[in-house]
Amino acid sequence: MKTKPPATHDEYLRAKNLGLQEAANQLRALVKKTLPKAKESINPWHVPIFESNGPICYYMAGKNHITLGFIRGTSLQDAEGLLEGTGKNLRHVKIKSADDLKQKGLRELLKSAAALNAKEPQDGMRPYRK
């Protein structure tokens, strides 16, 4: 039997039932504080995202860490070397505990991603065509 996909960030986190619940909630609070105009939503693939002039970032809760991903990560300045990944556009930061949210440069990445969207708005994420 299929489960109903999450409609909100809260539903997503409840369904995960993970030990990183506190870190995930603090991550959400950090994004909301840093980008007060960004809105929370769930993308077509059931992943929580933050949007302002298009998607800014997303997060996925795993067993051992939370992946904070940046849709246009290759276009961001990363003075602290936090971003990981090898994709064409996406880059991410692994959050293994709430303490990781205090990393120097994390807020700057969020602000930079939002500023890029303000300067060059992009369409939202669309599901693949069947």
Protein backbone atom coordinates (compact mmCIF):
# COMPACT_ATOMS: atom_id res chain seq x y z
CA MET A 1 0.00 0.00 0.00
CA LYS A 2 1.39 3.39 -0.99
CA THR A 3 1.66 6.11 1.59
CA LYS A 4 0.40 9.60 0.85
CA PRO A 5 3.23 11.94 -0.15
CA PRO A 6 3.95 14.78 2.28
CA ALA A 7 2.16 18.07 1.67
CA THR A 8 4.20 20.10 4.16
CA HIS A 9 7.67 20.19 5.68
CA ASP A 10 6.21 18.98 8.99
CA GLU A 11 4.63 15.95 7.32
CA TYR A 12 7.90 15.18 5.55
CA LEU A 13 9.86 15.21 8.81
CA ARG A 14 7.23 13.17 10.70
CA ALA A 15 7.35 10.50 8.01
CA LYS A 16 11.14 10.30 8.28
CA ASN A 17 11.10 9.54 12.03
CA LEU A 18 14.79 10.30 12.23
CA GLY A 19 17.23 11.08 15.01
CA LEU A 20 18.13 14.34 13.29
CA GLN A 21 14.71 15.86 13.91
CA GLU A 22 16.10 18.70 16.03
CA ALA A 23 18.78 19.52 13.46
CA ALA A 24 16.16 19.52 10.70
CA ASN A 25 13.93 21.89 12.67
CA GLN A 26 16.88 24.17 13.41
CA LEU A 27 17.83 24.13 9.72
CA ARG A 28 14.31 25.26 8.81
CA ALA A 29 14.52 28.01 11.44
CA LEU A 30 17.91 29.13 10.09
CA VAL A 31 16.59 29.38 6.53
CA LYS A 32 13.46 31.24 7.67
CA LYS A 33 15.52 33.69 9.73
CA THR A 34 18.13 34.21 7.01
CA LEU A 35 15.58 34.42 4.16
CA PRO A 36 12.34 35.67 5.71
CA LYS A 37 10.65 36.12 2.31
CA ALA A 38 11.32 32.54 1.21
CA LYS A 39 8.36 30.20 1.30
CA GLU A 40 8.39 26.54 2.22
CA SER A 41 6.87 24.02 -0.17
CA ILE A 42 7.21 20.44 -1.34
CA ASN A 43 8.52 19.93 -4.88
CA PRO A 44 7.00 17.45 -7.38
CA TRP A 45 9.40 14.74 -6.13
CA HIS A 46 8.16 15.16 -2.53
CA VAL A 47 11.29 16.96 -1.31
CA PRO A 48 11.01 20.03 0.96
CA ILE A 49 12.25 23.21 -0.72
CA PHE A 50 12.51 26.92 -0.01
CA GLU A 51 11.50 29.27 -2.82
CA SER A 52 11.78 32.94 -3.71
CA ASN A 53 11.80 33.81 -7.41
CA GLY A 54 12.11 30.07 -7.98
CA PRO A 55 13.66 27.29 -5.89
CA ILE A 56 16.60 28.37 -3.72
CA CYS A 57 17.47 25.25 -1.78
CA TYR A 58 16.09 21.93 -0.61
CA TYR A 59 16.84 19.45 2.14
CA MET A 60 16.61 15.70 2.37
CA ALA A 61 16.73 13.89 5.68
CA GLY A 62 18.79 10.72 5.70
CA LYS A 63 19.84 8.26 8.34
CA ASN A 64 23.16 9.92 9.21
CA HIS A 65 22.86 13.45 7.87
CA ILE A 66 20.63 16.05 6.29
CA THR A 67 21.55 17.13 2.79
CA LEU A 68 21.04 20.86 2.26
CA GLY A 69 21.12 21.25 -1.49
CA PHE A 70 21.43 24.35 -3.63
CA ILE A 71 19.69 24.22 -7.00
CA ARG A 72 22.22 26.62 -8.58
CA GLY A 73 25.14 25.59 -6.41
CA THR A 74 27.78 25.82 -9.11
CA SER A 75 26.96 29.53 -9.49
CA LEU A 76 27.52 30.35 -5.79
CA GLN A 77 30.65 31.76 -4.21
CA ASP A 78 31.79 29.31 -1.51
CA ALA A 79 34.64 31.00 0.35
CA GLU A 80 34.52 28.44 3.19
CA GLY A 81 34.51 25.37 0.92
CA LEU A 82 31.27 23.94 2.32
CA LEU A 83 29.72 22.80 -0.94
CA GLU A 84 30.10 19.22 -2.15
CA GLY A 85 29.00 17.45 -5.30
CA THR A 86 29.91 16.98 -8.93
CA GLY A 87 26.62 17.60 -10.77
CA LYS A 88 26.10 20.09 -13.56
CA ASN A 89 24.34 22.63 -11.27
CA LEU A 90 23.53 21.12 -7.88
CA ARG A 91 25.80 21.35 -4.86
CA HIS A 92 25.07 20.41 -1.26
CA VAL A 93 26.22 20.71 2.34
CA LYS A 94 25.94 17.75 4.70
CA ILE A 95 24.47 18.59 8.10
CA LYS A 96 25.34 15.86 10.62
CA SER A 97 24.22 17.71 13.76
CA ALA A 98 22.66 21.00 14.84
CA ASP A 99 26.20 22.29 15.49
CA ASP A 100 26.92 22.08 11.75
CA LEU A 101 24.38 24.87 11.25
CA LYS A 102 26.84 27.26 12.90
CA GLN A 103 29.45 26.73 10.17
CA LYS A 104 30.97 29.92 8.89
CA GLY A 105 29.69 30.60 5.40
CA LEU A 106 26.37 28.70 5.58
CA ARG A 107 24.22 31.83 5.95
CA GLU A 108 26.19 33.47 3.15
CA LEU A 109 25.40 30.55 0.83
CA LEU A 110 21.69 30.92 1.59
CA LYS A 111 21.80 34.69 1.01
CA SER A 112 23.83 34.30 -2.17
CA ALA A 113 21.39 31.72 -3.58
CA ALA A 114 18.43 34.01 -2.84
CA ALA A 115 20.22 37.01 -4.35
CA LEU A 116 20.95 35.02 -7.51
CA ASN A 117 17.25 34.15 -7.83
CA ALA A 118 16.29 37.80 -7.25
CA LYS A 119 18.68 38.89 -9.99
CA GLU A 120 17.85 36.03 -12.39
CA PRO A 121 14.48 34.48 -11.46
CA GLN A 122 13.95 30.90 -12.53
CA ASP A 123 10.93 28.71 -13.05
CA GLY A 124 9.96 26.27 -10.36
CA MET A 125 10.81 22.61 -10.51
CA ARG A 126 8.53 20.59 -12.74
CA PRO A 127 7.95 16.84 -12.64
CA TYR A 128 9.23 14.69 -15.46
CA ARG A 129 6.78 14.10 -18.25
CA LYS A 130 5.39 10.59 -18.45
